[in-house]
């Protein structure tokens, strides 16, 4: 349990540090236009990647037997 806790504390501290580095690069450095463009590019790419993954799974998966609609009244 101590390994999981130390890993969690490390992730917590690194994510806060990453936020401050990102905020510095975005607000106070000369790299802010590039950082902003890359951030938007990664966000849009991630969203479109998830949507394409959903579409791929819908196109390649077999329908389950419970998804067929049967009409017993004929």
C-alpha atoms as a PDB file:
ATOM      1  CA  UNK A   1       0.000   0.000   0.000  1.00  0.00           C
ATOM      2  CA  UNK A   2       2.883   2.389   0.613  1.00  0.00           C
ATOM      3  CA  UNK A   3       4.069   1.934  -2.982  1.00  0.00           C
ATOM      4  CA  UNK A   4       0.630   2.910  -4.284  1.00  0.00           C
ATOM      5  CA  UNK A   5       0.494   5.871  -1.930  1.00  0.00           C
ATOM      6  CA  UNK A   6       3.950   7.128  -2.906  1.00  0.00           C
ATOM      7  CA  UNK A   7       3.063   6.709  -6.579  1.00  0.00           C
ATOM      8  CA  UNK A   8      -0.131   8.688  -6.035  1.00  0.00           C
ATOM      9  CA  UNK A   9       1.717  11.476  -4.224  1.00  0.00           C
ATOM     10  CA  UNK A  10       4.293  11.595  -7.024  1.00  0.00           C
ATOM     11  CA  UNK A  11       1.581  11.821  -9.707  1.00  0.00           C
ATOM     12  CA  UNK A  12      -0.176  14.540  -7.691  1.00  0.00           C
ATOM     13  CA  UNK A  13       2.980  16.639  -7.312  1.00  0.00           C
ATOM     14  CA  UNK A  14       4.043  16.161 -10.944  1.00  0.00           C
ATOM     15  CA  UNK A  15       0.614  17.160 -12.246  1.00  0.00           C
ATOM     16  CA  UNK A  16       0.635  20.357 -10.171  1.00  0.00           C
ATOM     17  CA  UNK A  17       4.180  21.090 -11.352  1.00  0.00           C
ATOM     18  CA  UNK A  18       3.126  20.401 -14.941  1.00  0.00           C
ATOM     19  CA  UNK A  19       0.291  22.876 -14.574  1.00  0.00           C
ATOM     20  CA  UNK A  20       2.668  25.595 -13.390  1.00  0.00           C
ATOM     21  CA  UNK A  21       5.108  24.894 -16.234  1.00  0.00           C
ATOM     22  CA  UNK A  22       2.224  25.015 -18.724  1.00  0.00           C
ATOM     23  CA  UNK A  23       0.905  28.253 -17.195  1.00  0.00           C
ATOM     24  CA  UNK A  24       4.369  29.815 -17.382  1.00  0.00           C
ATOM     25  CA  UNK A  25       4.829  28.762 -21.011  1.00  0.00           C
ATOM     26  CA  UNK A  26       1.363  30.013 -21.906  1.00  0.00           C
ATOM     27  CA  UNK A  27       1.389  33.336 -20.060  1.00  0.00           C
ATOM     28  CA  UNK A  28       4.935  34.542 -19.520  1.00  0.00           C
ATOM     29  CA  UNK A  29       7.172  33.128 -22.221  1.00  0.00           C
ATOM     30  CA  UNK A  30       7.777  33.976 -25.841  1.00  0.00           C
ATOM     31  CA  UNK A  31       6.564  30.480 -26.744  1.00  0.00           C
ATOM     32  CA  UNK A  32       2.920  31.204 -25.865  1.00  0.00           C
ATOM     33  CA  UNK A  33       1.515  31.223 -29.450  1.00  0.00           C
ATOM     34  CA  UNK A  34       3.129  27.870 -30.190  1.00  0.00           C
ATOM     35  CA  UNK A  35       2.037  26.401 -26.853  1.00  0.00           C
ATOM     36  CA  UNK A  36      -1.528  27.574 -27.452  1.00  0.00           C
ATOM     37  CA  UNK A  37      -1.593  26.169 -30.982  1.00  0.00           C
ATOM     38  CA  UNK A  38      -0.208  22.814 -29.841  1.00  0.00           C
ATOM     39  CA  UNK A  39      -2.704  22.660 -26.973  1.00  0.00           C
ATOM     40  CA  UNK A  40      -5.654  23.229 -29.285  1.00  0.00           C
ATOM     41  CA  UNK A  41      -4.218  20.761 -31.800  1.00  0.00           C
ATOM     42  CA  UNK A  42      -3.851  18.058 -29.130  1.00  0.00           C
ATOM     43  CA  UNK A  43      -7.350  18.689 -27.760  1.00  0.00           C
ATOM     44  CA  UNK A  44      -9.014  18.525 -31.180  1.00  0.00           C
ATOM     45  CA  UNK A  45      -6.898  15.528 -32.149  1.00  0.00           C
ATOM     46  CA  UNK A  46      -7.850  13.722 -28.952  1.00  0.00           C
ATOM     47  CA  UNK A  47     -11.562  14.372 -29.405  1.00  0.00           C
ATOM     48  CA  UNK A  48     -11.502  13.319 -33.065  1.00  0.00           C
ATOM     49  CA  UNK A  49      -9.412  10.275 -32.147  1.00  0.00           C
ATOM     50  CA  UNK A  50     -12.011   9.139 -29.625  1.00  0.00           C
ATOM     51  CA  UNK A  51     -14.810   9.708 -32.138  1.00  0.00           C
ATOM     52  CA  UNK A  52     -12.957   7.744 -34.824  1.00  0.00           C
ATOM     53  CA  UNK A  53     -12.287   4.913 -32.340  1.00  0.00           C
ATOM     54  CA  UNK A  54     -16.014   4.747 -31.533  1.00  0.00           C
ATOM     55  CA  UNK A  55     -16.842   4.668 -35.248  1.00  0.00           C
ATOM     56  CA  UNK A  56     -14.266   1.937 -35.891  1.00  0.00           C
ATOM     57  CA  UNK A  57     -15.661  -0.180 -33.072  1.00  0.00           C
ATOM     58  CA  UNK A  58     -19.215   0.311 -34.345  1.00  0.00           C
ATOM     59  CA  UNK A  59     -18.188  -0.681 -37.857  1.00  0.00           C
ATOM     60  CA  UNK A  60     -16.182  -3.780 -36.912  1.00  0.00           C
ATOM     61  CA  UNK A  61     -18.118  -5.265 -34.001  1.00  0.00           C
ATOM     62  CA  UNK A  62     -20.721  -7.956 -34.401  1.00  0.00           C
ATOM     63  CA  UNK A  63     -24.189  -7.215 -33.089  1.00  0.00           C
ATOM     64  CA  UNK A  64     -25.112  -9.119 -29.960  1.00  0.00           C
ATOM     65  CA  UNK A  65     -28.161 -11.399 -30.098  1.00  0.00           C
ATOM     66  CA  UNK A  66     -29.946  -9.234 -27.553  1.00  0.00           C
ATOM     67  CA  UNK A  67     -29.706  -6.198 -29.866  1.00  0.00           C
ATOM     68  CA  UNK A  68     -32.009  -7.731 -32.460  1.00  0.00           C
ATOM     69  CA  UNK A  69     -35.580  -6.533 -32.194  1.00  0.00           C
ATOM     70  CA  UNK A  70     -38.100  -9.294 -32.574  1.00  0.00           C
ATOM     71  CA  UNK A  71     -41.777  -8.717 -33.137  1.00  0.00           C
ATOM     72  CA  UNK A  72     -43.812 -11.533 -31.606  1.00  0.00           C
ATOM     73  CA  UNK A  73     -47.131 -10.082 -32.740  1.00  0.00           C
ATOM     74  CA  UNK A  74     -47.775 -11.146 -36.305  1.00  0.00           C
END
